[in-house]
Amino acid sequence: MKKRTVVNPMDLNYDYRIYNHDGKEGPICLEAADPVMVIFEGEYYLFSSITNGYWVSPDMAQWEFIPCDNSKLPNIYGYAPAIMVLDDAIYFHQGEHDKRLFRNKTPKNPDTWELVTDNCYVGHDPFLYYDEIDDKVWASYGCDAAERSHIQIVELDRHTLEPIGEIYDCVDFDPQTHGWERRLDDHYGETGCWLEGSQILRHNNKWYIIYSGFSLHKSYANGVYVSDSPTGPYVYAQNNPISHKNTGFIGGAAHGCFFEDLHGNWWNVTCACVHVSHVFERRLNLFPAGFDEDGFLYANTTLSDYPITLPEGRRDHSELHVPYMLLSKDCDVTVSAVESAMPENPFYGSDLRDTQVPESRYDHGAYNASSEDIRTAWKADSREPGHWAKLDLGRICSVGGIQINIPTYNLRTTDPLEKYHEYVIESSVDGVNWNVFYDNRGKNEFAPHGYYEVEETRARYVKVTFFHIAGDGFAALSGLRVFGHDDGELPEVVSDFTAVRGPEDMRNATISWKSAKNAEGYIVRYGIAPDKLYNQYQVYGNSVEIRTLTLGINYWFRVDSFNGAGVTMGKISEDSI
């Protein structure tokens, strides 16, 4: 069955990474970051940091990995690749890490990369952009502590692709004014802020410089400055952050790129935060995005780790395109066994730098499989085949998709011959009679975030049985996520709420409301105008503190309610604060 939806994090065959700690070998984990997506000859090409190759897809759902090592493309495994389509080729550059720039006219063949120049010096975290209107090439770059860094822009010669002319300082950090630029999961970090991950693009004759904050937390977000000229001056956009996802199953919405799909719809591919095995343990997220009629750029992260329908034409990405709801949050999970000992690797999670879930390294109870936090997990007590986890939805539902998230835990090898998972997913109405939902035994499939669609089927129970874990690891689940619809009623409208700004810190606001009947959770949407509620927090409770606001800008709010039946839109606040 052809996939019509995708789910975050993206299910890709991420590469292994071993981080050493104090000269000793640390744990094996997966990492991908700093993604760039381009269209070449009618297909999508995706490049990422710490990946020995790149991916190609006809539809952004099914991805083919093209292996490519340093002998074919130097620094392919490095950080922050810069990718550009120019004329009849894809171009690759590593910025500060390497002055060389390469191109490939047949990128499905990784042996055909060729050197263009060895004198293209641009700084850390580069982005390359070809402006078709003026037939010019630009590079933006910058990566350092906020107090000593700028996002800079320089022109590249159209033919030699070497820097020419003046270097322009275009973006500075100001976390004392911009609440979202603060670090840590909930923006509580006033110091140690970071500026990085830029992108330059042109839209409707306006120039946009996108930039990112600190990369190690769920609060990782994008902002943007806008100008009439590629060299500035640039003005801070009032609707910042333009992509932010601090809540939900997996957070992180920065250092990637905005791009148009084959239908002319905008998307934002970004880093996503895990950092349980190591601070740089990351994945990739994909969000619908767009420009509104006033030229404001945004990414729609609302329920964005639920299934998102892929478009078949032009559409409005400010609306929800979520065909299935989550049915499995906090549902009862029974398992074959639970690991209770200390991790075998003594450096497991030893360099986490302010993670807010350190207990996830030691608490491996069954309930973690349905807790809706990728940073916690159920783990079995051995590497033996046959371990299983069974989830009870508590009622019979229409199930349309299941996502199996397998963490890296005490892996013993990076041998590519061992890099595959084998498991069987079953569903049942009564817990006695079972139907096979998906069986990947014998398929040599490495799917750390495997997502499987079916024609909607009735089920109350979902069971996963493991037969092989990549890297000779333990059976484990950081998320057994079931999507579809239940037969209940939609939640009631949140008819009234209070929104209080500050008062000690006007970068913050507290939103409170009464519980709505039948609501499982709430989406607090906010923005700079009633028709620009582009930011959101996903909340399980009756209040939230929002810490992403900018001084001197007023905001409107709305509280939507949701459950397994769908979403009920709330009422927009009468006044801004």
Protein backbone atom coordinates (compact mmCIF):
# COMPACT_ATOMS: atom_id res chain seq x y z
CA MET A 1 0.00 0.00 0.00
CA LYS A 2 1.42 3.37 -1.00
CA LYS A 3 2.07 5.63 1.98
CA ARG A 4 -0.11 8.70 2.09
CA THR A 5 1.03 9.95 5.51
CA VAL A 6 4.36 10.49 7.26
CA VAL A 7 5.19 10.70 10.97
CA ASN A 8 7.95 12.38 12.95
CA PRO A 9 10.66 11.56 13.61
CA MET A 10 11.46 10.62 10.03
CA ASP A 11 12.07 6.89 9.65
CA LEU A 12 15.51 6.75 8.03
CA ASN A 13 18.44 4.37 8.29
CA TYR A 14 20.40 6.74 10.50
CA ASP A 15 24.12 6.11 10.94
CA TYR A 16 25.74 4.94 14.15
CA ARG A 17 27.92 7.27 16.18
CA ILE A 18 30.28 6.32 19.00
CA TYR A 19 31.20 9.23 21.26
CA ASN A 20 34.30 8.90 23.36
CA HIS A 21 34.32 10.26 26.89
CA ASP A 22 37.57 11.24 28.63
CA GLY A 23 39.50 9.11 26.14
CA LYS A 24 37.31 6.05 26.68
CA GLU A 25 34.78 4.62 24.31
CA GLY A 26 31.23 5.78 24.97
CA PRO A 27 27.91 4.24 23.99
CA ILE A 28 26.77 3.58 20.44
CA CYS A 29 23.85 5.77 19.39
CA LEU A 30 22.24 7.11 16.23
CA GLU A 31 22.67 10.67 15.06
CA ALA A 32 21.51 12.86 12.21
CA ALA A 33 21.31 16.63 12.20
CA ASP A 34 21.45 19.82 10.13
CA PRO A 35 19.39 18.44 7.22
CA VAL A 36 19.07 20.02 3.78
CA MET A 37 16.40 18.98 1.28
CA VAL A 38 16.53 19.90 -2.43
CA ILE A 39 14.68 18.82 -5.55
CA PHE A 40 16.77 17.53 -8.43
CA GLU A 41 15.33 16.05 -11.63
CA GLY A 42 11.89 15.69 -10.05
CA GLU A 43 12.99 13.87 -6.88
CA TYR A 44 13.82 14.88 -3.32
CA TYR A 45 17.42 14.62 -2.11
CA LEU A 46 18.07 14.74 1.64
CA PHE A 47 21.52 15.34 3.14
CA SER A 48 22.36 15.30 6.83
CA SER A 49 25.27 15.55 9.24
CA ILE A 50 26.95 12.36 10.46
CA THR A 51 25.67 10.28 7.56
CA ASN A 52 27.81 8.23 5.19
CA GLY A 53 25.60 9.02 2.24
CA TYR A 54 22.30 10.70 1.43
CA TRP A 55 18.72 9.79 0.60
CA VAL A 56 16.50 10.16 -2.47
CA SER A 57 12.71 9.92 -2.64
CA PRO A 58 9.98 10.46 -5.23
CA ASP A 59 7.41 11.52 -2.62
CA MET A 60 9.02 12.25 0.81
CA ALA A 61 7.53 8.99 2.12
CA GLN A 62 9.71 6.22 0.72
CA TRP A 63 13.45 6.93 0.97
CA GLU A 64 16.33 5.14 -0.74
CA PHE A 65 19.72 5.50 0.89
CA ILE A 66 22.72 6.12 -1.38
CA PRO A 67 25.92 5.09 0.47
CA CYS A 68 28.82 7.45 -0.07
CA ASP A 69 32.07 7.59 1.91
CA ASN A 70 35.01 9.95 2.18
CA SER A 71 36.80 8.35 -0.75
CA LYS A 72 33.95 9.50 -3.00
CA LEU A 73 32.98 12.74 -1.28
CA PRO A 74 35.35 14.12 1.38
CA ASN A 75 33.69 15.05 4.69
CA ILE A 76 30.37 13.45 3.73
CA TYR A 77 30.25 12.23 7.37
CA GLY A 78 30.91 15.72 8.73
CA TYR A 79 28.63 18.31 10.27
CA ALA A 80 26.33 20.81 8.56
CA PRO A 81 26.52 20.10 4.83
CA ALA A 82 25.62 22.92 2.44
CA ILE A 83 23.67 21.70 -0.60
CA MET A 84 22.56 23.63 -3.67
CA VAL A 85 21.08 22.83 -7.07
CA LEU A 86 22.66 24.93 -9.81
CA ASP A 87 22.22 24.39 -13.54
CA ASP A 88 22.34 20.62 -14.01
CA ALA A 89 24.06 19.47 -10.81
CA ILE A 90 23.86 19.15 -7.03
CA TYR A 91 26.63 20.97 -5.16
CA PHE A 92 28.11 19.93 -1.78
CA HIS A 93 30.21 22.02 0.62
CA GLN A 94 31.32 21.64 4.24
CA GLY A 95 32.08 25.26 4.98
CA GLU A 96 34.68 25.88 7.66
CA HIS A 97 35.56 22.18 7.76
CA ASP A 98 36.75 22.10 4.13
CA LYS A 99 37.43 24.77 1.51
CA ARG A 100 36.61 22.34 -1.29
CA LEU A 101 33.27 22.39 -3.09
CA PHE A 102 32.00 19.42 -5.12
CA ARG A 103 29.23 18.74 -7.61
CA ASN A 104 27.45 15.76 -9.11
CA LYS A 105 25.35 15.72 -12.27
CA THR A 106 24.22 12.14 -11.60
CA PRO A 107 23.87 12.00 -7.79
CA LYS A 108 22.26 8.55 -7.81
CA ASN A 109 25.79 7.42 -8.65
CA PRO A 110 27.95 8.34 -5.63
CA ASP A 111 31.11 7.71 -7.64
CA THR A 112 30.54 10.75 -9.88
CA TRP A 113 31.21 13.59 -7.43
CA GLU A 114 33.83 15.96 -8.83
CA LEU A 115 35.83 18.87 -7.39
CA VAL A 116 34.73 22.35 -8.48
CA THR A 117 37.09 24.49 -6.40
CA ASP A 118 39.42 24.14 -3.44
CA ASN A 119 39.14 27.84 -2.58
CA CYS A 120 35.56 28.28 -1.40
CA TYR A 121 36.14 29.36 2.18
CA VAL A 122 32.99 30.24 4.09
CA GLY A 123 32.45 29.89 7.82
CA HIS A 124 30.87 27.28 10.05
CA ASP A 125 27.32 25.99 9.32
CA PRO A 126 27.11 27.29 5.73
CA PHE A 127 24.08 27.47 3.47
CA LEU A 128 24.30 27.90 -0.31
CA TYR A 129 21.55 29.63 -2.27
CA TYR A 130 21.16 30.24 -5.98
CA ASP A 131 18.97 33.22 -6.80
CA GLU A 132 17.46 32.55 -10.22
CA ILE A 133 16.10 36.09 -10.59
CA ASP A 134 19.48 37.84 -10.45
CA ASP A 135 21.51 34.77 -11.47
CA LYS A 136 23.68 35.04 -8.35
CA VAL A 137 24.92 32.64 -5.67
CA TRP A 138 24.99 33.55 -1.98
CA ALA A 139 26.32 31.85 1.15
CA SER A 140 25.13 32.46 4.70
CA TYR A 141 27.01 31.05 7.68
CA GLY A 142 27.81 31.38 11.38
CA CYS A 143 28.05 29.11 14.43
CA ASP A 144 29.30 30.23 17.83
CA ALA A 145 28.30 31.45 21.27
CA ALA A 146 25.70 34.19 20.87
CA GLU A 147 27.81 36.95 22.40
CA ARG A 148 30.60 36.55 19.82
CA SER A 149 28.80 35.40 16.68
CA HIS A 150 26.86 36.82 13.74
CA ILE A 151 25.06 35.26 10.83
CA GLN A 152 27.04 36.53 7.88
CA ILE A 153 26.44 36.64 4.13
CA VAL A 154 28.86 36.71 1.23
CA GLU A 155 28.38 36.44 -2.53
CA LEU A 156 30.02 33.61 -4.47
CA ASP A 157 31.21 34.02 -8.02
CA ARG A 158 28.54 32.53 -10.28
CA HIS A 159 31.07 30.46 -12.23
CA THR A 160 34.04 29.77 -9.92
CA LEU A 161 31.85 29.58 -6.76
CA GLU A 162 34.56 31.31 -4.76
CA PRO A 163 33.71 34.17 -2.33
CA ILE A 164 33.77 37.68 -3.79
CA GLY A 165 33.11 41.12 -2.36
CA GLU A 166 32.19 42.26 1.11
CA ILE A 167 31.12 40.06 4.01
CA TYR A 168 27.93 41.36 5.69
CA ASP A 169 26.95 40.89 9.34
CA CYS A 170 23.19 40.38 9.22
CA VAL A 171 21.83 38.68 12.36
CA ASP A 172 22.71 38.95 16.05
CA PHE A 173 21.26 37.10 19.03
CA ASP A 174 19.31 38.96 21.73
CA PRO A 175 17.86 36.47 24.25
CA GLN A 176 17.18 39.29 26.72
CA THR A 177 14.54 40.52 24.25
CA HIS A 178 13.61 37.32 22.41
CA GLY A 179 12.41 34.75 24.93
CA TRP A 180 12.62 31.82 22.51
CA GLU A 181 16.38 32.36 22.03
CA ARG A 182 17.03 31.17 25.58
CA ARG A 183 18.35 27.62 25.91
CA LEU A 184 17.19 24.46 27.80
CA ASP A 185 13.97 22.54 27.20
CA ASP A 186 11.66 25.27 28.49
CA HIS A 187 13.90 28.27 27.76
CA TYR A 188 15.09 28.63 31.34
CA GLY A 189 18.72 29.11 30.35
CA GLU A 190 19.67 32.77 30.34
CA THR A 191 23.35 32.13 29.54
CA GLY A 192 25.23 29.88 27.16
CA CYS A 193 22.97 30.78 24.22
CA TRP A 194 24.13 29.90 20.73
CA LEU A 195 23.68 31.25 17.18
CA GLU A 196 23.93 28.85 14.23
CA GLY A 197 22.18 26.98 11.43
CA SER A 198 21.38 29.76 8.96
CA GLN A 199 19.54 29.73 5.64
CA ILE A 200 19.12 32.52 3.10
CA LEU A 201 16.26 32.53 0.59
CA ARG A 202 14.23 34.90 -1.56
CA HIS A 203 10.43 34.96 -1.76
CA ASN A 204 8.21 37.54 -3.48
CA ASN A 205 11.23 39.84 -3.80
CA LYS A 206 11.90 39.78 -0.05
CA TRP A 207 15.04 38.25 1.42
CA TYR A 208 14.87 36.01 4.47
CA ILE A 209 17.70 34.92 6.76
CA ILE A 210 16.67 32.03 8.97
CA TYR A 211 18.77 31.17 12.03
CA SER A 212 18.73 28.73 14.94
CA GLY A 213 19.29 28.71 18.66
CA PHE A 214 20.95 26.15 20.94
CA SER A 215 20.93 22.67 19.40
CA LEU A 216 20.79 20.32 22.37
CA HIS A 217 17.23 20.65 23.68
CA LYS A 218 13.58 20.28 22.71
CA SER A 219 13.41 24.08 22.56
CA TYR A 220 15.69 24.18 19.48
CA ALA A 221 13.90 26.74 17.27
CA ASN A 222 14.22 28.89 14.16
CA GLY A 223 13.86 32.63 13.81
CA VAL A 224 14.03 34.87 10.75
CA TYR A 225 15.04 38.38 9.72
CA VAL A 226 13.70 40.01 6.53
CA SER A 227 15.16 42.55 4.10
CA ASP A 228 14.63 44.11 0.68
CA SER A 229 18.21 43.22 -0.24
CA PRO A 230 20.36 40.10 0.22
CA THR A 231 22.98 42.20 1.98
CA GLY A 232 20.52 43.88 4.34
CA PRO A 233 19.74 45.68 6.49
CA TYR A 234 17.61 42.89 7.99
CA VAL A 235 14.67 43.41 10.34
CA TYR A 236 13.54 40.93 13.03
CA ALA A 237 10.23 39.26 12.10
CA GLN A 238 7.57 39.84 14.75
CA ASN A 239 6.16 36.29 14.48
CA ASN A 240 9.41 34.64 15.65
CA PRO A 241 10.06 31.88 16.40
CA ILE A 242 8.96 30.68 12.97
CA SER A 243 9.40 27.01 13.88
CA HIS A 244 9.26 25.79 17.47
CA LYS A 245 8.28 22.44 18.99
CA ASN A 246 8.96 22.21 22.70
CA THR A 247 6.24 19.65 23.47
CA GLY A 248 4.95 16.34 22.17
CA PHE A 249 6.68 13.03 21.51
CA ILE A 250 9.87 14.49 20.06
CA GLY A 251 10.92 18.12 20.18
CA GLY A 252 13.24 20.22 18.07
CA ALA A 253 12.48 22.42 15.06
CA ALA A 254 15.68 24.13 13.92
CA HIS A 255 18.88 23.97 11.89
CA GLY A 256 17.52 22.52 8.70
CA CYS A 257 15.97 24.21 5.74
CA PHE A 258 12.71 25.47 4.29
CA PHE A 259 12.00 24.17 0.80
CA GLU A 260 9.20 23.89 -1.75
CA ASP A 261 7.81 20.49 -2.74
CA LEU A 262 6.90 19.42 -6.27
CA HIS A 263 3.43 21.00 -5.85
CA GLY A 264 4.73 24.38 -4.66
CA ASN A 265 3.99 23.77 -0.96
CA TRP A 266 6.60 24.80 1.61
CA TRP A 267 8.11 22.45 4.21
CA ASN A 268 10.68 22.70 6.99
CA VAL A 269 13.06 19.78 7.64
CA THR A 270 14.88 20.14 10.98
CA CYS A 271 16.88 18.56 13.79
CA ALA A 272 15.00 16.65 16.47
CA CYS A 273 16.23 16.11 20.03
CA VAL A 274 16.75 12.76 21.81
CA HIS A 275 20.03 13.10 23.82
CA VAL A 276 19.63 10.09 26.09
CA SER A 277 22.70 8.12 25.04
CA HIS A 278 24.61 11.33 24.32
CA VAL A 279 23.98 15.06 24.07
CA PHE A 280 24.21 14.90 20.26
CA GLU A 281 21.81 11.96 19.87
CA ARG A 282 19.38 13.45 17.34
CA ARG A 283 16.94 12.61 14.54
CA LEU A 284 15.14 14.57 11.79
CA ASN A 285 11.67 16.15 11.79
CA LEU A 286 9.57 17.35 8.84
CA PHE A 287 6.91 20.07 9.22
CA PRO A 288 4.43 21.72 6.84
CA ALA A 289 5.40 25.37 6.35
CA GLY A 290 4.48 28.39 4.29
CA PHE A 291 4.38 32.13 3.68
CA ASP A 292 1.14 33.93 4.48
CA GLU A 293 -0.33 36.74 2.39
CA ASP A 294 1.65 39.31 4.39
CA GLY A 295 4.96 37.56 3.75
CA PHE A 296 5.32 36.00 7.23
CA LEU A 297 7.18 32.69 7.12
CA TYR A 298 6.02 29.91 9.48
CA ALA A 299 6.23 26.18 10.15
CA ASN A 300 3.13 24.37 11.40
CA THR A 301 4.28 22.11 14.25
CA THR A 302 0.78 21.48 15.69
CA LEU A 303 0.33 17.72 16.30
CA SER A 304 3.29 17.31 13.97
CA ASP A 305 4.41 14.00 15.43
CA TYR A 306 1.02 12.60 14.48
CA PRO A 307 0.58 11.33 10.89
CA ILE A 308 0.62 14.16 8.32
CA THR A 309 -1.09 13.66 4.98
CA LEU A 310 1.19 14.16 2.00
CA PRO A 311 -0.24 16.62 -0.53
CA GLU A 312 -1.32 15.81 -4.06
CA GLY A 313 -1.47 19.49 -5.05
CA ARG A 314 -1.36 22.98 -3.58
CA ARG A 315 -2.82 23.43 -0.09
CA ASP A 316 -2.85 25.75 2.91
CA HIS A 317 -0.21 24.58 5.38
CA SER A 318 -1.50 26.82 8.16
CA GLU A 319 -4.34 24.29 8.53
CA LEU A 320 -4.09 20.84 10.11
CA HIS A 321 -3.52 17.91 7.76
CA VAL A 322 -3.70 15.19 10.42
CA PRO A 323 -5.96 12.28 9.35
CA TYR A 324 -5.40 10.13 12.47
CA MET A 325 -5.31 10.92 16.16
CA LEU A 326 -3.04 9.33 18.75
CA LEU A 327 -4.84 6.55 20.64
CA SER A 328 -2.06 5.11 22.80
CA LYS A 329 -0.89 7.81 25.22
CA ASP A 330 -0.50 6.43 28.75
CA CYS A 331 -2.32 3.22 27.85
CA ASP A 332 -1.57 0.08 29.87
CA VAL A 333 1.44 -1.86 28.59
CA THR A 334 2.41 -5.38 29.63
CA VAL A 335 5.77 -6.82 28.66
CA SER A 336 7.78 -10.03 28.72
CA ALA A 337 10.44 -8.63 31.07
CA VAL A 338 11.93 -5.36 32.34
CA GLU A 339 15.65 -4.53 32.57
CA SER A 340 16.54 -3.21 36.01
CA ALA A 341 20.33 -3.32 36.12
CA MET A 342 22.72 -0.43 35.48
CA PRO A 343 23.72 0.13 31.86
CA GLU A 344 26.58 -2.11 30.72
CA ASN A 345 28.46 0.86 29.29
CA PRO A 346 29.56 3.07 32.21
CA PHE A 347 29.62 6.17 29.99
CA TYR A 348 26.02 5.74 28.82
CA GLY A 349 24.48 9.20 28.95
CA SER A 350 27.50 10.66 30.73
CA ASP A 351 27.63 13.88 28.70
CA LEU A 352 24.06 15.14 28.62
CA ARG A 353 24.46 18.82 29.51
CA ASP A 354 21.22 19.81 31.19
CA THR A 355 18.89 17.10 29.92
CA GLN A 356 15.74 17.13 32.01
CA VAL A 357 15.19 13.35 31.95
CA PRO A 358 18.33 11.78 33.46
CA GLU A 359 16.17 9.10 35.09
CA SER A 360 15.41 7.74 31.61
CA ARG A 361 18.76 5.95 31.76
CA TYR A 362 17.66 3.89 34.76
CA ASP A 363 13.85 3.69 34.69
CA HIS A 364 12.89 1.16 32.03
CA GLY A 365 9.36 0.26 33.10
CA ALA A 366 6.72 -0.90 30.62
CA TYR A 367 4.73 2.35 30.95
CA ASN A 368 7.52 4.22 29.17
CA ALA A 369 6.44 2.61 25.90
CA SER A 370 3.26 4.72 25.93
CA SER A 371 4.42 7.82 27.83
CA GLU A 372 4.78 9.97 24.67
CA ASP A 373 8.37 10.97 25.35
CA ILE A 374 11.05 9.60 23.04
CA ARG A 375 13.59 10.12 25.83
CA THR A 376 12.08 7.36 28.01
CA ALA A 377 11.84 3.69 27.11
CA TRP A 378 10.82 0.19 28.11
CA LYS A 379 13.79 -2.17 27.86
CA ALA A 380 13.87 -5.93 28.20
CA ASP A 381 16.35 -7.73 30.43
CA SER A 382 18.23 -9.64 27.72
CA ARG A 383 19.17 -9.78 24.08
CA GLU A 384 17.26 -13.00 23.54
CA PRO A 385 14.64 -13.15 20.75
CA GLY A 386 10.98 -13.37 21.66
CA HIS A 387 10.61 -10.42 24.02
CA TRP A 388 7.28 -8.66 23.56
CA ALA A 389 5.22 -5.65 24.58
CA LYS A 390 1.41 -5.55 24.50
CA LEU A 391 -0.60 -2.32 24.62
CA ASP A 392 -4.25 -2.07 25.66
CA LEU A 393 -6.04 0.92 24.14
CA GLY A 394 -8.84 0.47 26.69
CA ARG A 395 -11.52 0.46 24.00
CA ILE A 396 -12.02 -0.83 20.47
CA CYS A 397 -10.82 1.75 17.96
CA SER A 398 -10.28 2.16 14.23
CA VAL A 399 -6.52 1.82 13.79
CA GLY A 400 -4.89 3.23 10.66
CA GLY A 401 -1.19 3.35 11.52
CA ILE A 402 1.38 2.17 14.06
CA GLN A 403 4.81 3.62 14.77
CA ILE A 404 7.52 1.47 16.39
CA ASN A 405 10.31 3.55 17.97
CA ILE A 406 13.36 1.50 18.95
CA PRO A 407 16.06 3.26 21.02
CA THR A 408 19.73 2.39 20.91
CA TYR A 409 20.49 0.78 24.23
CA ASN A 410 23.65 -1.12 25.14
CA LEU A 411 24.44 -1.94 21.54
CA ARG A 412 27.53 -4.13 21.13
CA THR A 413 28.41 -3.68 17.46
CA THR A 414 28.16 -1.32 14.50
CA ASP A 415 28.63 -4.21 12.07
CA PRO A 416 26.45 -3.39 9.03
CA LEU A 417 25.48 -7.04 8.78
CA GLU A 418 23.81 -6.68 12.19
CA LYS A 419 22.06 -3.41 11.32
CA TYR A 420 18.50 -4.65 10.94
CA HIS A 421 15.39 -5.13 13.05
CA GLU A 422 12.99 -8.04 12.98
CA TYR A 423 9.62 -7.90 14.69
CA VAL A 424 5.99 -8.80 14.22
CA ILE A 425 3.17 -6.36 14.97
CA GLU A 426 -0.22 -7.89 15.74
CA SER A 427 -3.63 -6.45 16.58
CA SER A 428 -6.61 -7.92 18.35
CA VAL A 429 -10.12 -6.99 19.39
CA ASP A 430 -10.28 -9.34 22.38
CA GLY A 431 -6.65 -10.07 23.31
CA VAL A 432 -7.09 -13.72 22.36
CA ASN A 433 -7.40 -13.81 18.59
CA TRP A 434 -4.62 -11.94 16.77
CA ASN A 435 -4.15 -10.61 13.25
CA VAL A 436 -0.73 -9.78 11.80
CA PHE A 437 -0.47 -6.02 11.25
CA TYR A 438 3.11 -6.09 9.94
CA ASP A 439 5.88 -8.70 9.77
CA ASN A 440 9.34 -7.60 8.69
CA ARG A 441 11.22 -10.85 9.35
CA GLY A 442 13.63 -11.64 6.55
CA LYS A 443 13.39 -8.16 5.02
CA ASN A 444 16.79 -6.89 6.27
CA GLU A 445 15.00 -3.69 7.32
CA PHE A 446 16.56 -1.11 9.63
CA ALA A 447 13.62 0.98 10.78
CA PRO A 448 14.35 2.68 14.11
CA HIS A 449 11.08 4.65 13.75
CA GLY A 450 9.12 2.27 11.56
CA TYR A 451 5.70 3.60 10.58
CA TYR A 452 3.15 1.26 9.03
CA GLU A 453 -0.17 2.19 7.47
CA VAL A 454 -3.07 -0.15 6.76
CA GLU A 455 -6.64 0.20 5.72
CA GLU A 456 -8.32 1.07 9.00
CA THR A 457 -8.85 -2.01 11.15
CA ARG A 458 -10.74 -2.48 14.40
CA ALA A 459 -8.55 -3.26 17.39
CA ARG A 460 -8.19 -2.81 21.12
CA TYR A 461 -4.82 -4.50 21.63
CA VAL A 462 -1.51 -4.07 19.78
CA LYS A 463 1.42 -6.40 20.37
CA VAL A 464 5.03 -6.24 19.16
CA THR A 465 7.28 -9.31 19.37
CA PHE A 466 11.01 -8.83 18.73
CA PHE A 467 13.23 -11.37 17.00
CA HIS A 468 16.34 -9.28 16.29
CA ILE A 469 17.54 -5.84 17.40
CA ALA A 470 20.12 -3.96 15.35
CA GLY A 471 23.58 -3.82 16.87
CA ASP A 472 22.83 -6.93 18.95
CA GLY A 473 20.90 -4.73 21.36
CA PHE A 474 18.16 -5.27 23.91
CA ALA A 475 14.52 -5.31 22.88
CA ALA A 476 13.25 -1.83 23.69
CA LEU A 477 10.55 0.71 22.83
CA SER A 478 10.72 4.44 23.32
CA GLY A 479 7.27 4.69 21.79
CA LEU A 480 4.65 2.14 20.76
CA ARG A 481 2.36 4.66 19.09
CA VAL A 482 -1.05 3.76 17.69
CA PHE A 483 -2.98 6.14 15.43
CA GLY A 484 -6.57 6.17 14.22
CA HIS A 485 -9.93 7.16 15.69
CA ASP A 486 -11.99 6.02 18.63
CA ASP A 487 -15.77 6.01 18.73
CA GLY A 488 -16.13 8.68 21.40
CA GLU A 489 -17.40 12.20 21.12
CA LEU A 490 -15.26 15.17 20.26
CA PRO A 491 -14.17 17.21 23.29
CA GLU A 492 -16.10 20.29 24.25
CA VAL A 493 -14.93 23.77 23.40
CA VAL A 494 -12.61 25.56 25.82
CA SER A 495 -14.90 28.53 26.19
CA ASP A 496 -12.87 30.63 28.58
CA PHE A 497 -9.24 31.02 29.60
CA THR A 498 -6.96 33.57 31.20
CA ALA A 499 -3.72 34.83 29.70
CA VAL A 500 -1.33 36.77 31.94
CA ARG A 501 1.86 38.32 30.60
CA GLY A 502 4.87 38.60 32.90
CA PRO A 503 4.69 40.57 35.12
CA GLU A 504 8.30 40.04 36.25
CA ASP A 505 9.39 38.93 32.78
CA MET A 506 7.37 40.00 29.75
CA ARG A 507 9.03 37.30 27.66
CA ASN A 508 6.71 34.88 29.46
CA ALA A 509 2.94 34.37 29.69
CA THR A 510 0.82 31.94 31.71
CA ILE A 511 -2.35 30.54 30.11
CA SER A 512 -4.95 28.80 32.31
CA TRP A 513 -8.37 27.25 31.59
CA LYS A 514 -11.03 24.91 32.95
CA SER A 515 -11.07 21.31 31.79
CA ALA A 516 -13.24 20.64 28.76
CA LYS A 517 -15.46 17.57 28.82
CA ASN A 518 -13.94 14.56 26.98
CA ALA A 519 -10.63 16.37 26.40
CA GLU A 520 -7.45 14.33 26.53
CA GLY A 521 -5.17 17.29 25.91
CA TYR A 522 -5.02 20.86 24.67
CA ILE A 523 -3.22 22.89 22.04
CA VAL A 524 -2.43 26.44 23.11
CA ARG A 525 -2.00 28.41 19.90
CA TYR A 526 -0.68 31.95 19.89
CA GLY A 527 0.65 34.60 17.56
CA ILE A 528 0.92 38.27 16.65
CA ALA A 529 -2.62 38.56 15.20
CA PRO A 530 -5.87 36.59 15.39
CA ASP A 531 -5.15 35.16 11.92
CA LYS A 532 -1.49 34.44 12.66
CA LEU A 533 -1.61 31.93 15.51
CA TYR A 534 1.39 30.05 14.13
CA ASN A 535 3.02 28.93 17.40
CA GLN A 536 1.72 26.28 19.77
CA TYR A 537 2.27 24.23 22.91
CA GLN A 538 0.72 20.76 23.30
CA VAL A 539 -0.46 20.44 26.90
CA TYR A 540 -1.85 17.69 29.14
CA GLY A 541 -3.27 19.75 31.99
CA ASN A 542 -5.02 23.06 32.60
CA SER A 543 -2.22 25.59 32.29
CA VAL A 544 1.06 26.29 30.58
CA GLU A 545 3.82 28.85 30.88
CA ILE A 546 4.93 30.07 27.47
CA ARG A 547 8.48 31.44 27.49
CA THR A 548 9.01 32.28 23.82
CA LEU A 549 7.62 35.81 23.58
CA THR A 550 9.42 38.91 22.34
CA LEU A 551 9.45 42.14 24.32
CA GLY A 552 7.37 44.93 22.79
CA ILE A 553 5.13 42.60 20.75
CA ASN A 554 1.52 41.77 21.67
CA TYR A 555 0.04 38.28 21.29
CA TRP A 556 -3.36 36.65 20.80
CA PHE A 557 -4.18 33.16 22.11
CA ARG A 558 -6.55 30.26 21.52
CA VAL A 559 -6.95 26.96 23.39
CA ASP A 560 -8.10 23.97 21.33
CA SER A 561 -9.07 20.64 22.91
CA PHE A 562 -8.42 17.19 21.47
CA ASN A 563 -8.91 13.47 22.08
CA GLY A 564 -8.92 10.26 20.06
CA ALA A 565 -11.91 11.47 18.05
CA GLY A 566 -10.34 14.72 16.82
CA VAL A 567 -9.73 18.38 17.58
CA THR A 568 -12.24 21.02 18.72
CA MET A 569 -11.23 24.59 17.95
CA GLY A 570 -11.44 27.09 20.79
CA LYS A 571 -12.20 30.78 20.84
CA ILE A 572 -9.56 33.42 20.15
CA SER A 573 -8.83 35.84 22.98
CA GLU A 574 -10.75 39.11 22.65
CA ASP A 575 -7.69 41.21 23.39
CA SER A 576 -3.96 40.79 22.99
CA ILE A 577 -1.46 40.93 25.83
